[in-house]
Structures are given as structure tokens and as C-alpha cells.
C-alpha atoms as a PDB file:
ATOM      1  CA  MET A   1      24.077  -4.625   9.647  1.00  0.00           C
ATOM      2  CA  GLY A   2      24.625  -4.201   5.907  1.00  0.00           C
ATOM      3  CA  LYS A   3      27.860  -2.304   6.352  1.00  0.00           C
ATOM      4  CA  MET A   4      29.262  -4.905   8.788  1.00  0.00           C
ATOM      5  CA  LEU A   5      28.382  -7.757   6.423  1.00  0.00           C
ATOM      6  CA  GLN A   6      29.918  -6.051   3.410  1.00  0.00           C
ATOM      7  CA  GLU A   7      33.090  -5.003   5.247  1.00  0.00           C
ATOM      8  CA  SER A   8      33.705  -8.493   6.637  1.00  0.00           C
ATOM      9  CA  LEU A   9      33.337 -10.131   3.226  1.00  0.00           C
ATOM     10  CA  ARG A  10      35.028  -7.489   1.083  1.00  0.00           C
ATOM     11  CA  ALA A  11      38.674  -8.543   1.465  1.00  0.00           C
ATOM     12  CA  PRO A  12      38.306 -12.310   0.799  1.00  0.00           C
ATOM     13  CA  VAL A  13      35.829 -11.734  -2.042  1.00  0.00           C
ATOM     14  CA  THR A  14      38.123  -9.145  -3.656  1.00  0.00           C
ATOM     15  CA  ARG A  15      41.059 -11.582  -3.536  1.00  0.00           C
ATOM     16  CA  LEU A  16      38.907 -14.260  -5.142  1.00  0.00           C
ATOM     17  CA  ILE A  17      37.501 -12.199  -7.994  1.00  0.00           C
ATOM     18  CA  THR A  18      40.535 -10.039  -8.857  1.00  0.00           C
ATOM     19  CA  PRO A  19      42.058 -12.631 -11.278  1.00  0.00           C
ATOM     20  CA  ILE A  20      38.651 -13.007 -12.967  1.00  0.00           C
ATOM     21  CA  CYS A  21      38.315  -9.231 -13.340  1.00  0.00           C
ATOM     22  CA  SER A  22      41.845  -8.950 -14.727  1.00  0.00           C
ATOM     23  CA  GLY A  23      40.996 -11.580 -17.328  1.00  0.00           C
ATOM     24  CA  LEU A  24      37.809  -9.752 -18.356  1.00  0.00           C
ATOM     25  CA  LEU A  25      39.772  -6.529 -18.730  1.00  0.00           C
ATOM     26  CA  ARG A  26      42.269  -8.250 -21.013  1.00  0.00           C
ATOM     27  CA  LEU A  27      39.312  -9.347 -23.154  1.00  0.00           C
ATOM     28  CA  GLY A  28      38.205  -5.723 -23.417  1.00  0.00           C
ATOM     29  CA  ILE A  29      35.111  -6.105 -21.235  1.00  0.00           C
ATOM     30  CA  SER A  30      34.391  -2.922 -19.293  1.00  0.00           C
ATOM     31  CA  ALA A  31      32.830  -2.490 -15.862  1.00  0.00           C
ATOM     32  CA  ASN A  32      29.760  -0.869 -17.427  1.00  0.00           C
ATOM     33  CA  ALA A  33      29.307  -3.839 -19.755  1.00  0.00           C
ATOM     34  CA  VAL A  34      29.431  -6.238 -16.799  1.00  0.00           C
ATOM     35  CA  THR A  35      26.932  -4.065 -14.896  1.00  0.00           C
ATOM     36  CA  THR A  36      24.547  -4.065 -17.849  1.00  0.00           C
ATOM     37  CA  ILE A  37      24.827  -7.809 -18.530  1.00  0.00           C
ATOM     38  CA  GLY A  38      24.194  -8.633 -14.880  1.00  0.00           C
ATOM     39  CA  ALA A  39      21.178  -6.348 -14.632  1.00  0.00           C
ATOM     40  CA  LEU A  40      19.614  -7.489 -17.908  1.00  0.00           C
ATOM     41  CA  GLY A  41      20.161 -11.124 -16.970  1.00  0.00           C
ATOM     42  CA  THR A  42      18.517 -10.549 -13.600  1.00  0.00           C
ATOM     43  CA  ILE A  43      15.540  -8.737 -15.133  1.00  0.00           C
ATOM     44  CA  ILE A  44      14.963 -11.287 -17.889  1.00  0.00           C
ATOM     45  CA  SER A  45      15.290 -14.173 -15.423  1.00  0.00           C
ATOM     46  CA  ALA A  46      12.671 -12.644 -13.115  1.00  0.00           C
ATOM     47  CA  LEU A  47      10.269 -11.909 -15.958  1.00  0.00           C
ATOM     48  CA  LEU A  48      10.574 -15.406 -17.433  1.00  0.00           C
ATOM     49  CA  THR A  49      10.328 -17.369 -14.180  1.00  0.00           C
ATOM     50  CA  PHE A  50       8.850 -15.506 -11.220  1.00  0.00           C
ATOM     51  CA  VAL A  51       5.766 -14.356 -13.151  1.00  0.00           C
ATOM     52  CA  ASN A  52       5.011 -18.050 -13.758  1.00  0.00           C
ATOM     53  CA  GLY A  53       5.687 -19.135 -10.182  1.00  0.00           C
ATOM     54  CA  ARG A  54       8.924 -20.963 -11.057  1.00  0.00           C
ATOM     55  CA  PHE A  55      10.652 -19.619  -8.004  1.00  0.00           C
ATOM     56  CA  PHE A  56      13.474 -22.120  -7.586  1.00  0.00           C
ATOM     57  CA  LEU A  57      14.731 -21.837 -11.167  1.00  0.00           C
ATOM     58  CA  GLY A  58      14.344 -18.065 -11.036  1.00  0.00           C
ATOM     59  CA  THR A  59      16.315 -17.866  -7.807  1.00  0.00           C
ATOM     60  CA  LEU A  60      19.216 -19.872  -9.252  1.00  0.00           C
ATOM     61  CA  LEU A  61      19.363 -17.698 -12.376  1.00  0.00           C
ATOM     62  CA  ILE A  62      19.135 -14.434 -10.462  1.00  0.00           C
ATOM     63  CA  VAL A  63      21.834 -15.492  -7.982  1.00  0.00           C
ATOM     64  CA  PHE A  64      24.115 -16.171 -10.961  1.00  0.00           C
ATOM     65  CA  PHE A  65      23.514 -12.762 -12.541  1.00  0.00           C
ATOM     66  CA  VAL A  66      23.631 -10.900  -9.230  1.00  0.00           C
ATOM     67  CA  LEU A  67      27.219 -12.151  -8.856  1.00  0.00           C
ATOM     68  CA  PHE A  68      28.109  -9.857 -11.762  1.00  0.00           C
ATOM     69  CA  ASP A  69      27.558  -7.031  -9.288  1.00  0.00           C
ATOM     70  CA  LEU A  70      30.671  -8.203  -7.449  1.00  0.00           C
ATOM     71  CA  LEU A  71      32.795  -7.811 -10.555  1.00  0.00           C
ATOM     72  CA  ASP A  72      32.027  -4.366 -11.932  1.00  0.00           C
ATOM     73  CA  GLY A  73      33.514  -2.353  -9.071  1.00  0.00           C
ATOM     74  CA  THR A  74      36.741  -4.348  -9.100  1.00  0.00           C
ATOM     75  CA  ILE A  75      37.015  -4.071 -12.888  1.00  0.00           C
ATOM     76  CA  ALA A  76      36.573  -0.300 -12.617  1.00  0.00           C
ATOM     77  CA  ARG A  77      39.324  -0.082  -9.999  1.00  0.00           C
ATOM     78  CA  LEU A  78      41.712  -2.208 -12.063  1.00  0.00           C
ATOM     79  CA  SER A  79      41.132  -0.408 -15.348  1.00  0.00           C
ATOM     80  CA  GLN A  80      43.170   2.573 -16.470  1.00  0.00           C
ATOM     81  CA  LYS A  81      40.044   4.738 -16.663  1.00  0.00           C
ATOM     82  CA  GLY A  82      39.007   3.838 -13.132  1.00  0.00           C
ATOM     83  CA  SER A  83      35.512   4.440 -11.798  1.00  0.00           C
ATOM     84  CA  ASN A  84      33.504   7.469 -12.880  1.00  0.00           C
ATOM     85  CA  GLN A  85      30.239   9.206 -12.162  1.00  0.00           C
ATOM     86  CA  TRP A  86      28.475   7.709 -15.188  1.00  0.00           C
ATOM     87  CA  GLY A  87      29.364   4.192 -14.107  1.00  0.00           C
ATOM     88  CA  ALA A  88      28.111   4.866 -10.579  1.00  0.00           C
ATOM     89  CA  LEU A  89      24.819   6.279 -11.910  1.00  0.00           C
ATOM     90  CA  LEU A  90      24.358   3.373 -14.339  1.00  0.00           C
ATOM     91  CA  ASP A  91      24.997   0.826 -11.582  1.00  0.00           C
ATOM     92  CA  SER A  92      22.589   2.501  -9.166  1.00  0.00           C
ATOM     93  CA  THR A  93      19.866   2.916 -11.792  1.00  0.00           C
ATOM     94  CA  LEU A  94      20.046  -0.693 -12.969  1.00  0.00           C
ATOM     95  CA  ASP A  95      20.059  -1.916  -9.353  1.00  0.00           C
ATOM     96  CA  ARG A  96      16.806  -0.050  -8.687  1.00  0.00           C
ATOM     97  CA  LEU A  97      15.263  -1.374 -11.911  1.00  0.00           C
ATOM     98  CA  SER A  98      16.303  -4.947 -11.112  1.00  0.00           C
ATOM     99  CA  ASP A  99      14.898  -4.734  -7.592  1.00  0.00           C
ATOM    100  CA  VAL A 100      11.499  -3.449  -8.656  1.00  0.00           C
ATOM    101  CA  LEU A 101      11.138  -5.989 -11.480  1.00  0.00           C
ATOM    102  CA  ILE A 102      12.080  -8.883  -9.190  1.00  0.00           C
ATOM    103  CA  LEU A 103       9.417  -7.859  -6.682  1.00  0.00           C
ATOM    104  CA  GLY A 104       7.008  -6.846  -9.439  1.00  0.00           C
ATOM    105  CA  SER A 105       7.296 -10.278 -11.058  1.00  0.00           C
ATOM    106  CA  ILE A 106       6.561 -11.985  -7.744  1.00  0.00           C
ATOM    107  CA  ALA A 107       3.626  -9.655  -7.096  1.00  0.00           C
ATOM    108  CA  TRP A 108       2.262 -10.314 -10.605  1.00  0.00           C
ATOM    109  CA  TYR A 109       2.212 -14.059  -9.970  1.00  0.00           C
ATOM    110  CA  LEU A 110       0.620 -13.658  -6.544  1.00  0.00           C
ATOM    111  CA  ILE A 111      -2.065 -11.360  -7.941  1.00  0.00           C
ATOM    112  CA  GLU A 112      -2.792 -13.891 -10.685  1.00  0.00           C
ATOM    113  CA  ILE A 113      -3.386 -16.650  -8.137  1.00  0.00           C
ATOM    114  CA  GLU A 114      -5.201 -14.211  -5.809  1.00  0.00           C
ATOM    115  CA  ASP A 115      -2.754 -14.673  -2.957  1.00  0.00           C
ATOM    116  CA  ARG A 116      -3.406 -12.320  -0.042  1.00  0.00           C
ATOM    117  CA  ILE A 117       0.260 -11.408   0.436  1.00  0.00           C
ATOM    118  CA  ALA A 118       0.502  -9.693  -2.971  1.00  0.00           C
ATOM    119  CA  PRO A 119      -0.049  -6.222  -1.402  1.00  0.00           C
ATOM    120  CA  LEU A 120       2.739  -6.969   1.071  1.00  0.00           C
ATOM    121  CA  VAL A 121       5.186  -7.544  -1.786  1.00  0.00           C
ATOM    122  CA  LEU A 122       4.163  -4.232  -3.364  1.00  0.00           C
ATOM    123  CA  ILE A 123       4.604  -2.430  -0.033  1.00  0.00           C
ATOM    124  CA  ALA A 124       8.093  -3.960   0.283  1.00  0.00           C
ATOM    125  CA  ALA A 125       8.931  -2.666  -3.213  1.00  0.00           C
ATOM    126  CA  VAL A 126       7.798   0.863  -2.299  1.00  0.00           C
ATOM    127  CA  LEU A 127       9.814   0.804   0.934  1.00  0.00           C
ATOM    128  CA  GLY A 128      12.896  -0.363  -0.974  1.00  0.00           C
ATOM    129  CA  PHE A 129      12.620   2.632  -3.293  1.00  0.00           C
ATOM    130  CA  LEU A 130      12.068   4.923  -0.321  1.00  0.00           C
ATOM    131  CA  ILE A 131      15.256   3.653   1.345  1.00  0.00           C
ATOM    132  CA  SER A 132      17.233   4.469  -1.795  1.00  0.00           C
ATOM    133  CA  TYR A 133      15.510   7.828  -2.251  1.00  0.00           C
ATOM    134  CA  ILE A 134      16.270   8.982   1.290  1.00  0.00           C
ATOM    135  CA  LYS A 135      19.956   8.246   0.772  1.00  0.00           C
ATOM    136  CA  ALA A 136      20.119   9.911  -2.646  1.00  0.00           C
ATOM    137  CA  ARG A 137      18.213  12.999  -1.518  1.00  0.00           C
ATOM    138  CA  SER A 138      20.185  13.409   1.698  1.00  0.00           C
ATOM    139  CA  GLU A 139      23.505  13.113  -0.109  1.00  0.00           C
ATOM    140  CA  SER A 140      22.338  15.713  -2.634  1.00  0.00           C
ATOM    141  CA  LEU A 141      21.903  18.010   0.382  1.00  0.00           C
ATOM    142  CA  GLY A 142      25.440  17.214   1.553  1.00  0.00           C
ATOM    143  CA  ILE A 143      24.369  14.906   4.382  1.00  0.00           C
ATOM    144  CA  PRO A 144      25.974  11.421   4.354  1.00  0.00           C
ATOM    145  CA  CYS A 145      23.408   8.660   4.805  1.00  0.00           C
ATOM    146  CA  GLU A 146      25.055   5.259   5.190  1.00  0.00           C
ATOM    147  CA  GLY A 147      23.770   2.302   7.134  1.00  0.00           C
ATOM    148  CA  GLY A 148      20.464   0.893   8.242  1.00  0.00           C
ATOM    149  CA  PHE A 149      19.339  -2.580   9.221  1.00  0.00           C
ATOM    150  CA  ALA A 150      18.425  -3.802   5.729  1.00  0.00           C
ATOM    151  CA  GLU A 151      20.416  -2.217   2.928  1.00  0.00           C
ATOM    152  CA  ARG A 152      20.052  -3.485  -0.631  1.00  0.00           C
ATOM    153  CA  THR A 153      22.276  -6.523  -0.091  1.00  0.00           C
ATOM    154  CA  GLU A 154      20.274  -7.732   2.911  1.00  0.00           C
ATOM    155  CA  ARG A 155      16.928  -7.111   1.222  1.00  0.00           C
ATOM    156  CA  LEU A 156      17.993  -9.057  -1.847  1.00  0.00           C
ATOM    157  CA  ILE A 157      19.242 -11.944   0.297  1.00  0.00           C
ATOM    158  CA  ILE A 158      15.886 -12.079   2.114  1.00  0.00           C
ATOM    159  CA  VAL A 159      14.001 -12.128  -1.195  1.00  0.00           C
ATOM    160  CA  LEU A 160      16.145 -14.847  -2.767  1.00  0.00           C
ATOM    161  CA  ILE A 161      16.114 -17.064   0.326  1.00  0.00           C
ATOM    162  CA  THR A 162      12.327 -16.683   0.401  1.00  0.00           C
ATOM    163  CA  THR A 163      11.807 -17.516  -3.270  1.00  0.00           C
ATOM    164  CA  GLY A 164      14.345 -20.339  -3.189  1.00  0.00           C
ATOM    165  CA  PHE A 165      12.681 -22.124  -0.277  1.00  0.00           C
ATOM    166  CA  SER A 166       9.242 -21.430  -1.740  1.00  0.00           C
ATOM    167  CA  GLY A 167      10.391 -23.057  -4.977  1.00  0.00           C
ATOM    168  CA  LEU A 168      11.289 -26.140  -2.942  1.00  0.00           C
ATOM    169  CA  GLY A 169       7.697 -26.323  -1.742  1.00  0.00           C
ATOM    170  CA  ILE A 170       8.157 -25.214   1.859  1.00  0.00           C
ATOM    171  CA  PRO A 171       4.758 -23.929   3.083  1.00  0.00           C
ATOM    172  CA  TYR A 172       4.168 -20.382   4.354  1.00  0.00           C
ATOM    173  CA  VAL A 173       7.721 -19.305   3.497  1.00  0.00           C
ATOM    174  CA  LEU A 174       6.542 -16.559   1.119  1.00  0.00           C
ATOM    175  CA  ALA A 175       4.372 -14.988   3.804  1.00  0.00           C
ATOM    176  CA  ILE A 176       7.108 -15.248   6.440  1.00  0.00           C
ATOM    177  CA  GLY A 177       9.828 -13.959   4.119  1.00  0.00           C
ATOM    178  CA  PHE A 178       7.892 -10.956   2.881  1.00  0.00           C
ATOM    179  CA  TRP A 179       6.746  -9.986   6.349  1.00  0.00           C
ATOM    180  CA  VAL A 180      10.407 -10.054   7.405  1.00  0.00           C
ATOM    181  CA  LEU A 181      11.365  -8.025   4.332  1.00  0.00           C
ATOM    182  CA  THR A 182       8.624  -5.436   4.837  1.00  0.00           C
ATOM    183  CA  LEU A 183       9.279  -4.919   8.545  1.00  0.00           C
ATOM    184  CA  SER A 184      13.052  -4.785   7.998  1.00  0.00           C
ATOM    185  CA  SER A 185      12.603  -2.245   5.210  1.00  0.00           C
ATOM    186  CA  LEU A 186      10.273  -0.122   7.342  1.00  0.00           C
ATOM    187  CA  LEU A 187      12.824  -0.133  10.162  1.00  0.00           C
ATOM    188  CA  THR A 188      15.532   0.921   7.727  1.00  0.00           C
ATOM    189  CA  VAL A 189      13.410   3.822   6.451  1.00  0.00           C
ATOM    190  CA  PHE A 190      13.096   5.173   9.999  1.00  0.00           C
ATOM    191  CA  GLN A 191      16.791   4.584  10.680  1.00  0.00           C
ATOM    192  CA  ARG A 192      17.810   6.567   7.589  1.00  0.00           C
ATOM    193  CA  LEU A 193      15.396   9.371   8.422  1.00  0.00           C
ATOM    194  CA  ALA A 194      16.996   9.522  11.871  1.00  0.00           C
ATOM    195  CA  ILE A 195      20.487   9.635  10.317  1.00  0.00           C
ATOM    196  CA  VAL A 196      19.474  12.553   8.112  1.00  0.00           C
ATOM    197  CA  TYR A 197      17.725  14.318  10.995  1.00  0.00           C
ATOM    198  CA  ARG A 198      20.869  14.128  13.123  1.00  0.00           C
ATOM    199  CA  GLY A 199      23.027  15.190  10.186  1.00  0.00           C
ATOM    200  CA  ALA A 200      20.856  18.233   9.520  1.00  0.00           C
ATOM    201  CA  ALA A 201      20.773  19.351  13.146  1.00  0.00           C
END
């Protein structure tokens, strides 16, 4: 699902953002700088809003900073240096940190108000890390591990739709959204394990 979504959107999005990326390069802004700004903005936004239950404002801010993730890869491709292993590691590390602090901030708020779905949010965070770990570990063993029902893009979309609608006061949306996220993540864990199992056979 994730791969299909990303492939279908890649060409039109790349055409749209290429002039922006070219302009940032002319200003001397590197791909790694864009990656770092986007991640720090996302983290700070989550910590300042989600922990206080201001879900709608937090969602708007995080959506803005998440868009930086669209720019860094294109900037790297357009630059003379191109992409490198350090940039890939930095991007992946900051993505993982952003994800856990978004979910951690939501869980913190839910624990504070003694909401029963707080453990569900924590389980979703653990499953998200497990999805990433399976891919990283399998690729370190020389086994490609692409795909799965809910890759990072889909999981983030589920979270932000959930928090956005919750911020608008729609009842039960947090419970529904995080059940969807948790079950989708669990399915993806099993799918990636199956991919690695077939690749190792």
C-alpha cells in the first residue's frame, strides 16, 4: 500500500517542489539542514501542543514541518554532492525520533487524563519501531525488505488524521484512530517478517 501511494504521487510532487529545492540550494541550504529543521520543528510542535491536548494546532504545525521531508531528497539529488550515507542515516534517525516523540506526547497527555487508550498508543509506538527494525536488520543481512500495509507514511497519515479530527472535537476518534494504527502496524510487522522469511529461504 505504502509503495503504491508513494509511487503514484512521486512524479507530480517532484515537479512541484523542484523549483523550491533549486531556490534553497542557491541560498546554500543543504538537504541535511532541511532534514534537521523539519525534524526539530516536528518534535518541538508535538512537545508544545500534544502534551497539553491541543491536537488541532499540533496537527497543523506537524503537517507543515513534515512537508520538509519532501524537500530533502530532491535537494540531495539536485546538489553537486548528491545523496550520501550520512544523509540517509540522519534522515532515518530523525524520522524515528520524530515518530516516537509524536506518539509519546499523545500518550503523555492521555496518561495525565487517565484515558484508557494510553497503552494502545504506546503499543503502536513499539510496533512502529519494530517495523523499522525488521527492515534495517534484514537489509544488514543482505535481504531486501520493502513494502507492508502501513509503512511510515501511512502510519503518520493515520496519526495526523486522528489528532486533527480529535482536535475538532469529534468523539471517539482517538480510540478508533489508534486501534486502526495498532492493527495496521501489527499486520505490517507480520508482513515484513514474511518477506524476510521468504528472502532467507
